N, C-alpha and C. Protein backbone atom coordinates (compact mmCIF):
# COMPACT_ATOMS: atom_id res chain seq x y z
N MET A 1 131.11 92.91 7.93
CA MET A 1 129.93 93.22 8.17
C MET A 1 129.87 93.79 9.87
N ASN A 2 129.25 94.74 10.13
CA ASN A 2 128.81 95.62 11.01
C ASN A 2 128.24 94.93 11.59
N PRO A 3 128.56 95.21 13.38
CA PRO A 3 127.36 94.57 14.10
C PRO A 3 126.30 96.03 14.04
N LYS A 4 124.96 95.22 14.77
CA LYS A 4 124.10 96.38 14.64
C LYS A 4 124.48 96.88 15.98
N PRO A 5 124.00 98.33 15.90
CA PRO A 5 124.02 99.55 17.15
C PRO A 5 123.16 98.84 18.19
N SER A 6 123.57 98.59 19.63
CA SER A 6 123.00 98.51 20.58
C SER A 6 121.89 99.41 20.58
N PRO A 7 120.70 99.39 21.25
CA PRO A 7 119.77 100.60 21.37
C PRO A 7 120.08 101.92 22.89
N ALA A 8 121.28 100.54 23.31
CA ALA A 8 121.87 101.78 25.05
C ALA A 8 122.50 102.68 24.31
N GLY A 9 123.06 102.53 23.48
CA GLY A 9 123.92 104.27 22.75
C GLY A 9 123.05 105.21 22.76
N ARG A 10 121.68 105.23 22.31
CA ARG A 10 120.44 105.95 22.13
C ARG A 10 119.96 106.92 23.63
N LEU A 11 120.58 105.92 24.51
CA LEU A 11 119.93 105.93 25.53
C LEU A 11 120.82 106.98 26.79
N GLY A 12 120.21 108.05 27.25
CA GLY A 12 121.08 108.88 28.05
C GLY A 12 120.72 108.39 29.29
N LEU A 13 121.67 107.92 30.25
CA LEU A 13 121.45 107.92 31.80
C LEU A 13 122.95 108.75 32.72
N GLY A 14 122.05 108.81 34.07
CA GLY A 14 122.71 109.09 34.73
C GLY A 14 124.28 108.58 35.33
N GLU A 15 124.92 109.52 36.03
CA GLU A 15 125.98 108.82 35.99
C GLU A 15 125.53 107.46 37.68
N ARG A 16 124.68 108.24 38.32
CA ARG A 16 124.75 107.13 39.24
C ARG A 16 123.71 106.02 38.71
N ILE A 17 122.21 106.21 38.11
CA ILE A 17 122.23 104.94 37.47
C ILE A 17 122.99 104.33 36.91
N ALA A 18 123.93 104.16 36.33
CA ALA A 18 125.04 103.29 35.16
C ALA A 18 125.77 102.84 36.18
N GLY A 19 126.34 103.25 37.14
CA GLY A 19 126.67 102.80 38.23
C GLY A 19 126.19 101.65 38.93
N GLU A 20 124.95 102.00 38.90
CA GLU A 20 124.36 100.92 39.58
C GLU A 20 123.93 99.61 39.29
N ILE A 21 123.55 99.75 37.37
CA ILE A 21 123.71 98.79 36.49
C ILE A 21 124.94 98.17 36.63
N LYS A 22 125.87 98.86 36.24
CA LYS A 22 127.53 97.94 36.24
C LYS A 22 127.95 97.46 37.66
N MET A 23 127.43 98.29 38.49
CA MET A 23 126.88 96.92 39.81
C MET A 23 126.36 95.71 39.88
N ALA A 24 125.20 95.80 39.51
CA ALA A 24 124.20 95.01 39.53
C ALA A 24 124.36 93.58 38.27
N LEU A 25 125.30 94.30 37.43
CA LEU A 25 124.88 93.06 36.42
C LEU A 25 126.47 92.91 35.93
N GLY A 26 127.58 93.56 36.00
CA GLY A 26 128.48 93.46 35.38
C GLY A 26 129.63 92.08 35.85
N SER A 27 130.68 91.76 34.86
CA SER A 27 131.05 90.52 34.88
C SER A 27 132.28 90.61 34.71
N ALA A 28 133.62 89.92 34.69
CA ALA A 28 134.40 89.63 34.03
C ALA A 28 134.16 88.42 33.01
N PHE A 29 133.86 87.72 32.94
CA PHE A 29 133.21 86.28 32.03
C PHE A 29 132.20 86.06 32.14
N PRO A 30 131.55 85.76 30.86
CA PRO A 30 130.25 84.82 31.05
C PRO A 30 129.59 83.63 32.53
N ALA A 31 128.70 84.04 32.26
CA ALA A 31 128.00 83.43 33.65
C ALA A 31 126.88 82.79 32.42
N ALA A 32 126.29 81.41 33.04
CA ALA A 32 124.74 80.73 32.80
C ALA A 32 123.79 81.43 33.42
N GLY A 33 123.03 81.76 32.46
CA GLY A 33 121.61 82.55 33.21
C GLY A 33 121.70 83.89 33.24
N GLU A 34 122.49 84.79 32.84
CA GLU A 34 122.45 86.21 33.62
C GLU A 34 121.03 86.48 32.83
N PRO A 35 121.31 88.00 33.89
CA PRO A 35 119.70 88.71 34.01
C PRO A 35 119.75 89.26 32.54
N ASP A 36 118.94 90.02 32.08
CA ASP A 36 118.59 91.09 31.51
C ASP A 36 118.01 92.51 32.16
N ALA A 37 118.60 93.28 31.91
CA ALA A 37 118.04 94.29 32.41
C ALA A 37 117.36 95.50 31.65
N GLU A 38 116.11 96.03 32.49
CA GLU A 38 115.72 96.93 32.05
C GLU A 38 116.06 98.62 32.57
N ILE A 39 116.11 99.13 31.58
CA ILE A 39 116.95 100.28 31.60
C ILE A 39 115.66 101.67 31.64
N GLY A 40 115.77 102.00 32.12
CA GLY A 40 114.91 103.67 31.93
C GLY A 40 115.61 105.13 31.43
N GLY A 41 115.52 106.20 30.70
CA GLY A 41 116.56 107.33 31.07
C GLY A 41 116.08 107.77 29.52
N ARG A 42 116.64 108.91 29.24
CA ARG A 42 115.94 109.64 28.23
C ARG A 42 116.66 109.13 26.75
N ASP A 43 115.74 109.30 25.53
CA ASP A 43 116.29 108.96 24.55
C ASP A 43 117.08 110.29 23.80
N LEU A 44 118.47 109.71 23.54
CA LEU A 44 118.89 111.21 22.65
C LEU A 44 118.77 111.82 21.62
N VAL A 45 117.94 110.86 20.91
CA VAL A 45 117.70 111.02 19.34
C VAL A 45 116.23 112.41 19.31
N SER A 46 115.14 111.74 20.15
CA SER A 46 114.27 111.68 20.71
C SER A 46 113.83 113.02 21.54
N GLY A 47 113.99 112.84 22.77
CA GLY A 47 114.33 113.64 23.88
C GLY A 47 113.26 113.53 24.77
N LEU A 48 112.86 112.05 24.05
CA LEU A 48 111.58 111.55 25.57
C LEU A 48 112.09 110.43 26.38
N PRO A 49 111.57 110.08 27.65
CA PRO A 49 111.69 109.17 28.20
C PRO A 49 111.30 107.84 27.64
N ASN A 50 112.08 106.69 27.81
CA ASN A 50 111.97 105.70 27.47
C ASN A 50 113.06 104.62 27.99
N THR A 51 112.81 103.43 27.65
CA THR A 51 112.84 102.05 28.74
C THR A 51 113.34 100.92 27.61
N ILE A 52 114.70 100.57 27.95
CA ILE A 52 114.74 99.52 27.03
C ILE A 52 115.25 98.04 28.08
N VAL A 53 115.45 97.21 27.17
CA VAL A 53 115.90 96.03 27.56
C VAL A 53 117.17 95.16 27.07
N ILE A 54 118.41 95.38 28.00
CA ILE A 54 119.52 94.65 27.48
C ILE A 54 120.33 93.96 28.06
N PRO A 55 120.77 93.16 27.19
CA PRO A 55 120.92 90.95 27.51
C PRO A 55 122.60 92.05 29.06
N ALA A 56 122.98 90.99 29.53
CA ALA A 56 124.18 91.49 31.02
C ALA A 56 125.58 91.77 30.49
N GLU A 57 125.63 90.81 28.97
CA GLU A 57 126.47 90.48 28.14
C GLU A 57 126.84 92.38 27.86
N GLU A 58 125.90 93.33 27.64
CA GLU A 58 126.40 94.14 26.72
C GLU A 58 126.92 95.15 27.74
N ILE A 59 126.94 94.83 29.01
CA ILE A 59 127.82 95.78 30.29
C ILE A 59 128.63 95.00 30.33
N ARG A 60 129.31 94.03 29.84
CA ARG A 60 130.80 93.32 30.18
C ARG A 60 131.32 94.26 29.71
């Protein structure tokens, strides 16, 4: 059984935004109460701006 692909894989982000997300949410180990992130970028399929919410565990 394959895991469901993340919607974050379809979102184009700039290098600056990607670095900011990693610094704000990244961690080496899981922690209780990790925040979710609302991330805006360009949908790579449609080419339109899009916003998604991803859990901090996807950044790890």
